[in-house]
C-alpha cells in the first residue's frame, strides 16, 4: 500500500544535474577534484600545481567548487586547505570515470602514475584499484562478507533499484567476518557514524566492486595504522609494503 500524499508537505525539488556537471566539466577543476579524491585536505598551491594553472586561476576555480558545495574550506590561521565535501562527490567522480574516455599519455611520468593508480589508490577513505578489488574478493572468499561475488554486471546492477547505486546489491558482514576483522584490530561495532556500514563502489579501472562505506573506511584506516599500506608521492596513490604483503596473505589469504 502506498503512503497517503500529504498536501501540506512541500514538493521535492528536481536536482540540477547540468550545474553539477558544468562544475566538473572544466579540465582544471576536474584535475583538482581528482587530486582531492583520497579524502585529504590540500592547500590551494598544491591544487594549482596538480591542475597546471596559476594561483589566481586556481583560486577562482576553488571558489566555484566551494559555492557548488563540491569542496569545503578548512582554515588554519592564514592558511586555507580544501577537501571534498563528502564521499558522494568521490562516488560521482568514480561513476563518471566508468564511462569517460581515457586521457592520452604523453610522457613516462604520466604512464608511471597511471599504472600506480591502477594498481592501488584511495577512493575517498577506502581502497580501490587492483588492490581494492582484490581485497574485496578476499573478504568474500574468507566469508567476511556475503551476498554477491564482487563482479560488476552493468545489465544487472541497477535493474531493480536504480535509485540505490552502490547499495542495490546487498553485501553483508557475517558473524565470522566480525571475528576475523576483530583479530585484525578492526572493531566492527564502532564504525564511522551517519553512513552505511557496507557499501560498494564500481571500480572504474577494474570494473569490479571494491568495499566502501563505514567498514571500508575502518579497514583502510587500520591497514595504514599497521604499516601494511602507505601513501605514494602522487595524490591517491597507495603502495603495499613488504609487511603488508605478508600480513594480508596471513590474515585474509590475499596474495598480491
Protein backbone atom coordinates (compact mmCIF):
# COMPACT_ATOMS: atom_id res chain seq x y z
CA UNK A 1 0.00 0.00 0.00
CA UNK A 2 1.31 3.43 -0.91
CA UNK A 3 1.52 6.12 1.76
CA UNK A 4 -1.08 8.83 1.51
CA UNK A 5 0.07 12.08 -0.04
CA UNK A 6 0.17 14.91 2.49
CA UNK A 7 -0.84 18.03 0.61
CA UNK A 8 0.78 20.45 3.05
CA UNK A 9 4.25 18.93 2.53
CA UNK A 10 6.47 20.93 0.15
CA UNK A 11 7.15 19.20 -3.18
CA UNK A 12 10.56 17.61 -3.67
CA UNK A 13 12.79 19.73 -5.88
CA UNK A 14 14.42 18.41 -9.04
CA UNK A 15 18.21 18.18 -8.92
CA UNK A 16 20.27 20.49 -11.15
CA UNK A 17 22.40 17.91 -12.92
CA UNK A 18 23.56 20.42 -15.55
CA UNK A 19 25.03 22.75 -12.93
CA UNK A 20 26.86 19.93 -11.19
CA UNK A 21 28.15 18.58 -14.49
CA UNK A 22 29.37 22.05 -15.52
CA UNK A 23 31.47 22.31 -12.38
CA UNK A 24 33.20 19.00 -13.14
CA UNK A 25 33.43 19.63 -16.89
CA UNK A 26 36.28 22.14 -16.71
CA UNK A 27 39.55 20.18 -17.08
CA UNK A 28 41.37 22.16 -14.38
CA UNK A 29 38.56 21.70 -11.86
CA UNK A 30 38.32 18.02 -12.74
CA UNK A 31 42.04 17.57 -12.01
CA UNK A 32 41.63 19.38 -8.69
CA UNK A 33 38.70 17.18 -7.70
CA UNK A 34 40.60 14.02 -8.62
CA UNK A 35 43.55 15.21 -6.54
CA UNK A 36 41.23 15.58 -3.55
CA UNK A 37 39.62 12.19 -4.09
CA UNK A 38 41.71 10.50 -1.40
CA UNK A 39 39.76 12.39 1.27
CA UNK A 40 42.65 14.54 2.45
CA UNK A 41 42.76 18.33 2.53
CA UNK A 42 45.24 20.12 0.26
CA UNK A 43 46.32 23.78 0.03
CA UNK A 44 45.45 25.87 -2.99
CA UNK A 45 49.08 25.91 -4.13
CA UNK A 46 49.25 22.13 -4.36
CA UNK A 47 45.97 22.03 -6.27
CA UNK A 48 47.22 24.72 -8.66
CA UNK A 49 50.29 22.58 -9.37
CA UNK A 50 48.14 19.48 -9.95
CA UNK A 51 45.89 21.39 -12.35
CA UNK A 52 48.78 23.18 -14.07
CA UNK A 53 47.29 26.65 -13.56
CA UNK A 54 48.32 29.87 -11.82
CA UNK A 55 47.46 30.60 -8.20
CA UNK A 56 44.88 33.21 -9.24
CA UNK A 57 43.18 30.82 -11.66
CA UNK A 58 43.16 28.05 -9.06
CA UNK A 59 41.58 30.41 -6.54
CA UNK A 60 38.77 31.25 -8.98
CA UNK A 61 38.14 27.56 -9.69
CA UNK A 62 38.13 26.67 -5.99
CA UNK A 63 35.66 29.45 -5.24
CA UNK A 64 33.24 27.92 -7.75
CA UNK A 65 33.71 24.44 -6.28
CA UNK A 66 33.08 25.74 -2.77
CA UNK A 67 29.98 27.63 -3.91
CA UNK A 68 28.71 24.48 -5.62
CA UNK A 69 29.30 22.51 -2.40
CA UNK A 70 31.71 20.11 -4.05
CA UNK A 71 34.55 21.27 -1.80
CA UNK A 72 34.83 22.66 1.72
CA UNK A 73 37.43 25.03 3.17
CA UNK A 74 39.38 24.38 6.34
CA UNK A 75 41.13 27.45 7.75
CA UNK A 76 44.30 27.12 9.80
CA UNK A 77 45.44 30.61 10.69
CA UNK A 78 46.24 32.36 7.44
CA UNK A 79 46.24 29.12 5.50
CA UNK A 80 43.32 27.51 3.70
CA UNK A 81 43.08 23.84 2.88
CA UNK A 82 40.46 22.33 0.61
CA UNK A 83 38.70 18.98 0.98
CA UNK A 84 35.96 17.14 -0.91
CA UNK A 85 32.58 17.83 0.68
CA UNK A 86 31.99 14.11 1.24
CA UNK A 87 32.18 10.59 -0.16
CA UNK A 88 29.25 11.20 -2.53
CA UNK A 89 31.39 13.63 -4.55
CA UNK A 90 34.08 10.97 -4.90
CA UNK A 91 31.45 8.37 -5.84
CA UNK A 92 30.20 10.68 -8.60
CA UNK A 93 33.74 11.06 -9.96
CA UNK A 94 34.24 7.29 -9.91
CA UNK A 95 30.93 6.76 -11.72
CA UNK A 96 31.88 9.27 -14.42
CA UNK A 97 35.26 7.57 -14.82
CA UNK A 98 33.46 4.36 -15.82
CA UNK A 99 32.13 5.99 -18.98
CA UNK A 100 34.83 8.59 -19.64
CA UNK A 101 37.39 8.11 -22.44
CA UNK A 102 40.99 7.59 -21.40
CA UNK A 103 43.28 10.61 -21.23
CA UNK A 104 46.19 10.50 -23.67
CA UNK A 105 49.51 9.54 -22.07
CA UNK A 106 52.26 11.82 -23.38
CA UNK A 107 55.15 11.17 -21.00
CA UNK A 108 56.82 8.41 -18.99
CA UNK A 109 55.81 10.22 -15.79
CA UNK A 110 52.14 10.13 -16.78
CA UNK A 111 52.44 6.45 -17.72
CA UNK A 112 54.03 5.56 -14.38
CA UNK A 113 51.40 7.49 -12.44
CA UNK A 114 48.55 5.89 -14.39
CA UNK A 115 49.99 2.46 -13.69
CA UNK A 116 50.33 3.25 -9.99
CA UNK A 117 46.72 4.45 -9.79
CA UNK A 118 45.51 1.26 -11.43
CA UNK A 119 47.49 -0.90 -9.03
CA UNK A 120 46.40 0.72 -5.77
CA UNK A 121 44.75 4.00 -4.87
CA UNK A 122 42.35 5.52 -2.40
CA UNK A 123 38.76 6.31 -3.31
CA UNK A 124 37.97 8.94 -0.68
CA UNK A 125 38.64 6.95 2.52
CA UNK A 126 38.80 3.38 1.21
CA UNK A 127 40.98 1.33 -1.13
CA UNK A 128 40.46 0.99 -4.87
CA UNK A 129 42.25 -0.26 -7.97
CA UNK A 130 43.64 -3.77 -8.23
CA UNK A 131 44.36 -3.77 -4.50
CA UNK A 132 40.85 -2.66 -3.57
CA UNK A 133 39.08 -5.19 -5.77
CA UNK A 134 41.43 -7.99 -4.72
CA UNK A 135 40.75 -7.11 -1.09
CA UNK A 136 37.00 -7.28 -1.76
CA UNK A 137 37.47 -10.69 -3.37
CA UNK A 138 39.48 -11.94 -0.39
CA UNK A 139 36.80 -10.77 2.05
CA UNK A 140 34.20 -12.72 0.07
CA UNK A 141 36.40 -15.82 -0.23
CA UNK A 142 37.06 -15.84 3.52
CA UNK A 143 33.38 -15.39 4.34
CA UNK A 144 33.89 -11.98 5.92
CA UNK A 145 31.27 -10.64 3.52
CA UNK A 146 28.42 -12.40 1.80
CA UNK A 147 25.70 -11.52 -0.67
CA UNK A 148 27.38 -11.26 -4.08
CA UNK A 149 30.59 -12.19 -5.90
CA UNK A 150 32.26 -8.79 -6.39
CA UNK A 151 31.87 -8.79 -10.18
CA UNK A 152 30.24 -5.75 -11.77
CA UNK A 153 27.49 -6.63 -14.24
CA UNK A 154 26.06 -3.40 -15.67
CA UNK A 155 22.97 -5.09 -17.08
CA UNK A 156 22.01 -6.42 -13.64
CA UNK A 157 23.35 -3.99 -11.06
CA UNK A 158 20.72 -1.25 -11.26
CA UNK A 159 17.86 -3.13 -12.85
CA UNK A 160 15.68 -3.46 -9.78
CA UNK A 161 16.60 -0.42 -7.70
CA UNK A 162 18.14 2.26 -9.94
CA UNK A 163 17.99 4.92 -7.22
CA UNK A 164 20.23 2.97 -4.85
CA UNK A 165 23.54 2.96 -6.73
CA UNK A 166 26.23 1.48 -4.52
CA UNK A 167 23.79 -0.38 -2.28
CA UNK A 168 21.42 -2.10 -4.70
CA UNK A 169 23.45 -5.29 -4.19
CA UNK A 170 23.22 -6.34 -0.59
CA UNK A 171 26.65 -7.22 0.79
CA UNK A 172 26.50 -8.16 4.45
CA UNK A 173 29.12 -8.58 7.17
CA UNK A 174 28.94 -12.09 8.63
CA UNK A 175 29.40 -13.17 12.26
CA UNK A 176 32.55 -15.00 11.21
CA UNK A 177 33.68 -11.85 9.44
CA UNK A 178 33.30 -9.78 12.59
CA UNK A 179 35.54 -12.22 14.44
CA UNK A 180 38.17 -12.24 11.68
CA UNK A 181 38.27 -8.46 11.48
CA UNK A 182 38.47 -8.21 15.27
CA UNK A 183 41.66 -10.28 15.13
CA UNK A 184 42.97 -7.74 12.64
CA UNK A 185 42.17 -4.92 15.05
CA UNK A 186 39.03 -3.67 13.30
CA UNK A 187 36.18 -3.07 15.73
CA UNK A 188 33.06 -3.51 13.60
CA UNK A 189 30.86 -2.26 16.47
CA UNK A 190 32.43 1.18 16.21
CA UNK A 191 32.17 2.12 12.54
CA UNK A 192 32.02 5.73 11.33
CA UNK A 193 28.55 7.15 12.12
CA UNK A 194 25.94 8.56 9.73
CA UNK A 195 26.84 6.31 6.81
CA UNK A 196 26.03 2.75 5.71
CA UNK A 197 28.32 0.12 7.22
CA UNK A 198 28.76 -1.85 4.00
CA UNK A 199 28.57 -0.36 0.54
CA UNK A 200 30.45 -0.89 -2.67
CA UNK A 201 31.86 1.27 -5.44
CA UNK A 202 32.20 0.11 -9.03
CA UNK A 203 35.93 0.40 -9.61
CA UNK A 204 36.49 2.38 -12.81
CA UNK A 205 39.82 0.74 -13.67
CA UNK A 206 38.95 -2.86 -12.80
CA UNK A 207 35.17 -2.84 -13.46
CA UNK A 208 34.66 -4.84 -10.30
CA UNK A 209 33.41 -3.90 -6.85
CA UNK A 210 35.58 -2.54 -4.07
CA UNK A 211 34.49 -2.09 -0.46
CA UNK A 212 33.22 1.33 0.59
CA UNK A 213 31.00 2.52 3.44
CA UNK A 214 31.96 2.67 7.10
CA UNK A 215 33.59 -0.76 7.02
CA UNK A 216 35.72 0.10 4.00
CA UNK A 217 36.92 3.27 5.75
CA UNK A 218 37.66 1.50 9.02
CA UNK A 219 39.55 -1.37 7.39
CA UNK A 220 41.61 1.01 5.24
CA UNK A 221 42.48 3.14 8.26
CA UNK A 222 43.65 0.01 10.10
CA UNK A 223 45.87 -1.08 7.20
CA UNK A 224 47.58 2.33 7.29
CA UNK A 225 47.99 2.04 11.08
CA UNK A 226 49.63 -1.36 10.69
CA UNK A 227 52.02 0.00 8.07
CA UNK A 228 50.74 -2.50 5.55
CA UNK A 229 49.99 0.26 3.07
CA UNK A 230 51.49 3.72 2.71
CA UNK A 231 50.68 6.76 0.63
CA UNK A 232 52.67 7.48 -2.51
CA UNK A 233 54.13 10.76 -3.66
CA UNK A 234 51.22 11.43 -6.02
CA UNK A 235 47.69 12.10 -4.72
CA UNK A 236 45.60 8.94 -4.23
CA UNK A 237 48.47 6.55 -5.00
CA UNK A 238 48.97 3.80 -2.39
CA UNK A 239 51.81 1.30 -2.07
CA UNK A 240 51.69 -2.06 -0.31
CA UNK A 241 54.69 -2.55 1.99
CA UNK A 242 56.61 -5.80 2.50
CA UNK A 243 54.87 -6.15 5.87
CA UNK A 244 51.55 -5.63 4.11
CA UNK A 245 52.24 -8.30 1.53
CA UNK A 246 52.90 -10.82 4.31
CA UNK A 247 50.13 -9.57 6.62
CA UNK A 248 47.38 -9.54 4.00
CA UNK A 249 48.27 -13.09 2.96
CA UNK A 250 48.37 -14.38 6.53
CA UNK A 251 45.21 -12.64 7.76
CA UNK A 252 42.96 -12.62 4.70
CA UNK A 253 44.54 -15.04 2.26
CA UNK A 254 45.22 -12.19 -0.16
CA UNK A 255 48.19 -12.90 -2.40
CA UNK A 256 49.46 -9.90 -4.34
